Amino acid sequence: MQILNLKVEIPWASIEPGMSFFVPCLDTENAVKQLTWEAGRYRYRVICKQVIEGDRYGLRCWRVE
């Protein structure tokens, strides 16, 4: 998946319900739309929250289904 022309690899097949991952980004609104669309392709549901981790701004996303 592409976020602001940067390729982001998310190993969807290995993410189980309850697991989370961090995606560094500034345009979180657009990134949430892309992440939820991509998760929907696998029939997954994700919840994303804006966070700062290790001095990086981005999204922490949890697979809930």
N, C-alpha and C. Protein backbone atom coordinates (compact mmCIF):
# COMPACT_ATOMS: atom_id res chain seq x y z
N MET A 1 0.83 -1.17 0.00
CA MET A 1 0.00 0.00 0.00
C MET A 1 0.88 1.23 0.00
N GLN A 2 0.42 2.31 -0.56
CA GLN A 2 1.17 3.55 -0.69
C GLN A 2 0.57 4.61 0.24
N ILE A 3 1.41 5.25 1.04
CA ILE A 3 1.00 6.39 1.85
C ILE A 3 1.97 7.51 1.53
N LEU A 4 1.47 8.57 0.90
CA LEU A 4 2.30 9.70 0.47
C LEU A 4 3.52 9.25 -0.31
N ASN A 5 3.30 8.41 -1.28
CA ASN A 5 4.33 7.89 -2.18
C ASN A 5 5.37 7.01 -1.49
N LEU A 6 5.09 6.58 -0.27
CA LEU A 6 5.97 5.64 0.42
C LEU A 6 5.28 4.29 0.49
N LYS A 7 6.01 3.26 0.11
CA LYS A 7 5.44 1.92 0.14
C LYS A 7 5.47 1.39 1.57
N VAL A 8 4.29 0.95 2.05
CA VAL A 8 4.17 0.40 3.39
C VAL A 8 3.72 -1.05 3.25
N GLU A 9 4.53 -1.97 3.77
CA GLU A 9 4.21 -3.39 3.71
C GLU A 9 3.55 -3.80 5.02
N ILE A 10 2.33 -4.29 4.94
CA ILE A 10 1.61 -4.77 6.11
C ILE A 10 1.34 -6.26 5.89
N PRO A 11 1.85 -7.11 6.77
CA PRO A 11 1.66 -8.56 6.60
C PRO A 11 0.27 -8.99 7.07
N TRP A 12 -0.75 -8.66 6.30
CA TRP A 12 -2.14 -8.91 6.70
C TRP A 12 -2.39 -10.37 7.07
N ALA A 13 -1.78 -11.30 6.36
CA ALA A 13 -2.05 -12.72 6.61
C ALA A 13 -1.58 -13.17 7.99
N SER A 14 -0.60 -12.48 8.57
CA SER A 14 -0.08 -12.90 9.87
C SER A 14 -0.63 -12.08 11.03
N ILE A 15 -1.50 -11.13 10.77
CA ILE A 15 -2.07 -10.31 11.84
C ILE A 15 -3.35 -10.96 12.35
N GLU A 16 -3.32 -11.36 13.61
CA GLU A 16 -4.46 -12.01 14.26
C GLU A 16 -5.30 -10.96 14.98
N PRO A 17 -6.58 -11.26 15.24
CA PRO A 17 -7.39 -10.33 16.04
C PRO A 17 -6.72 -10.02 17.37
N GLY A 18 -6.68 -8.74 17.73
CA GLY A 18 -6.04 -8.30 18.95
C GLY A 18 -4.63 -7.78 18.74
N MET A 19 -4.01 -8.13 17.62
CA MET A 19 -2.66 -7.64 17.31
C MET A 19 -2.74 -6.23 16.76
N SER A 20 -1.65 -5.48 16.90
CA SER A 20 -1.61 -4.12 16.38
C SER A 20 -0.32 -3.88 15.62
N PHE A 21 -0.31 -2.78 14.87
CA PHE A 21 0.88 -2.37 14.13
C PHE A 21 0.88 -0.85 14.05
N PHE A 22 2.07 -0.28 13.84
CA PHE A 22 2.24 1.17 13.76
C PHE A 22 2.59 1.56 12.34
N VAL A 23 1.94 2.61 11.85
CA VAL A 23 2.23 3.15 10.52
C VAL A 23 2.60 4.63 10.69
N PRO A 24 3.86 5.00 10.46
CA PRO A 24 4.23 6.41 10.57
C PRO A 24 3.64 7.20 9.40
N CYS A 25 2.99 8.30 9.72
CA CYS A 25 2.40 9.14 8.66
C CYS A 25 1.98 10.48 9.27
N LEU A 26 1.81 11.48 8.41
CA LEU A 26 1.33 12.78 8.83
C LEU A 26 -0.13 12.98 8.44
N ASP A 27 -0.52 12.50 7.28
CA ASP A 27 -1.90 12.62 6.81
C ASP A 27 -2.69 11.42 7.33
N THR A 28 -3.04 11.45 8.60
CA THR A 28 -3.67 10.30 9.23
C THR A 28 -5.07 10.04 8.69
N GLU A 29 -5.79 11.08 8.32
CA GLU A 29 -7.15 10.89 7.81
C GLU A 29 -7.13 10.05 6.53
N ASN A 30 -6.26 10.39 5.62
CA ASN A 30 -6.14 9.63 4.37
C ASN A 30 -5.61 8.22 4.63
N ALA A 31 -4.65 8.10 5.54
CA ALA A 31 -4.08 6.79 5.85
C ALA A 31 -5.12 5.86 6.46
N VAL A 32 -5.99 6.37 7.32
CA VAL A 32 -7.05 5.55 7.92
C VAL A 32 -7.97 5.02 6.83
N LYS A 33 -8.33 5.87 5.88
CA LYS A 33 -9.18 5.43 4.77
C LYS A 33 -8.51 4.30 3.98
N GLN A 34 -7.24 4.46 3.69
CA GLN A 34 -6.52 3.44 2.93
C GLN A 34 -6.39 2.14 3.73
N LEU A 35 -6.08 2.26 5.02
CA LEU A 35 -5.92 1.07 5.86
C LEU A 35 -7.22 0.30 6.03
N THR A 36 -8.31 1.01 6.25
CA THR A 36 -9.59 0.32 6.42
C THR A 36 -10.04 -0.32 5.11
N TRP A 37 -9.75 0.32 3.98
CA TRP A 37 -10.10 -0.27 2.68
C TRP A 37 -9.28 -1.53 2.45
N GLU A 38 -7.98 -1.43 2.72
CA GLU A 38 -7.09 -2.57 2.52
C GLU A 38 -7.49 -3.73 3.45
N ALA A 39 -7.78 -3.43 4.69
CA ALA A 39 -8.21 -4.48 5.64
C ALA A 39 -9.52 -5.12 5.17
N GLY A 40 -10.41 -4.32 4.62
CA GLY A 40 -11.68 -4.84 4.11
C GLY A 40 -11.51 -5.84 2.98
N ARG A 41 -10.43 -5.71 2.22
CA ARG A 41 -10.16 -6.68 1.15
C ARG A 41 -9.95 -8.08 1.73
N TYR A 42 -9.45 -8.14 2.97
CA TYR A 42 -9.22 -9.41 3.64
C TYR A 42 -10.38 -9.78 4.58
N ARG A 43 -11.42 -8.96 4.54
CA ARG A 43 -12.57 -9.11 5.44
C ARG A 43 -12.18 -8.96 6.90
N TYR A 44 -11.22 -8.07 7.14
CA TYR A 44 -10.79 -7.71 8.49
C TYR A 44 -11.39 -6.37 8.85
N ARG A 45 -11.51 -6.11 10.14
CA ARG A 45 -11.92 -4.80 10.62
C ARG A 45 -10.81 -4.29 11.51
N VAL A 46 -10.43 -3.03 11.32
CA VAL A 46 -9.36 -2.43 12.11
C VAL A 46 -9.85 -1.14 12.76
N ILE A 47 -9.25 -0.83 13.90
CA ILE A 47 -9.47 0.45 14.58
C ILE A 47 -8.11 1.13 14.61
N CYS A 48 -8.07 2.40 14.19
CA CYS A 48 -6.82 3.14 14.14
C CYS A 48 -6.91 4.38 15.03
N LYS A 49 -5.85 4.65 15.76
CA LYS A 49 -5.76 5.82 16.64
C LYS A 49 -4.48 6.58 16.33
N GLN A 50 -4.57 7.91 16.37
CA GLN A 50 -3.39 8.75 16.16
C GLN A 50 -2.52 8.69 17.41
N VAL A 51 -1.23 8.44 17.22
CA VAL A 51 -0.30 8.32 18.34
C VAL A 51 1.05 8.92 17.99
N ILE A 52 1.88 9.10 19.01
CA ILE A 52 3.29 9.45 18.84
C ILE A 52 4.07 8.32 19.50
N GLU A 53 4.89 7.64 18.71
CA GLU A 53 5.69 6.53 19.22
C GLU A 53 7.14 6.74 18.81
N GLY A 54 8.01 6.77 19.79
CA GLY A 54 9.44 6.95 19.49
C GLY A 54 9.70 8.21 18.72
N ASP A 55 9.07 9.30 19.08
CA ASP A 55 9.21 10.60 18.40
C ASP A 55 8.68 10.60 16.97
N ARG A 56 7.84 9.63 16.64
CA ARG A 56 7.23 9.58 15.31
C ARG A 56 5.72 9.67 15.44
N TYR A 57 5.12 10.49 14.59
CA TYR A 57 3.67 10.66 14.56
C TYR A 57 3.09 9.68 13.57
N GLY A 58 1.97 9.08 13.91
CA GLY A 58 1.36 8.14 12.98
C GLY A 58 0.13 7.48 13.56
N LEU A 59 -0.13 6.27 13.10
CA LEU A 59 -1.32 5.52 13.50
C LEU A 59 -0.94 4.20 14.13
N ARG A 60 -1.59 3.87 15.21
CA ARG A 60 -1.53 2.53 15.80
C ARG A 60 -2.86 1.89 15.42
N CYS A 61 -2.80 0.77 14.73
CA CYS A 61 -4.00 0.09 14.24
C CYS A 61 -4.10 -1.30 14.85
N TRP A 62 -5.31 -1.66 15.29
CA TRP A 62 -5.58 -2.96 15.88
C TRP A 62 -6.55 -3.71 14.98
N ARG A 63 -6.27 -4.97 14.76
CA ARG A 63 -7.23 -5.82 14.06
C ARG A 63 -8.23 -6.31 15.10
N VAL A 64 -9.52 -6.04 14.88
CA VAL A 64 -10.54 -6.43 15.85
C VAL A 64 -11.38 -7.61 15.36
N GLU A 65 -11.39 -7.88 14.09
CA GLU A 65 -12.11 -9.03 13.53
C GLU A 65 -11.31 -9.63 12.40
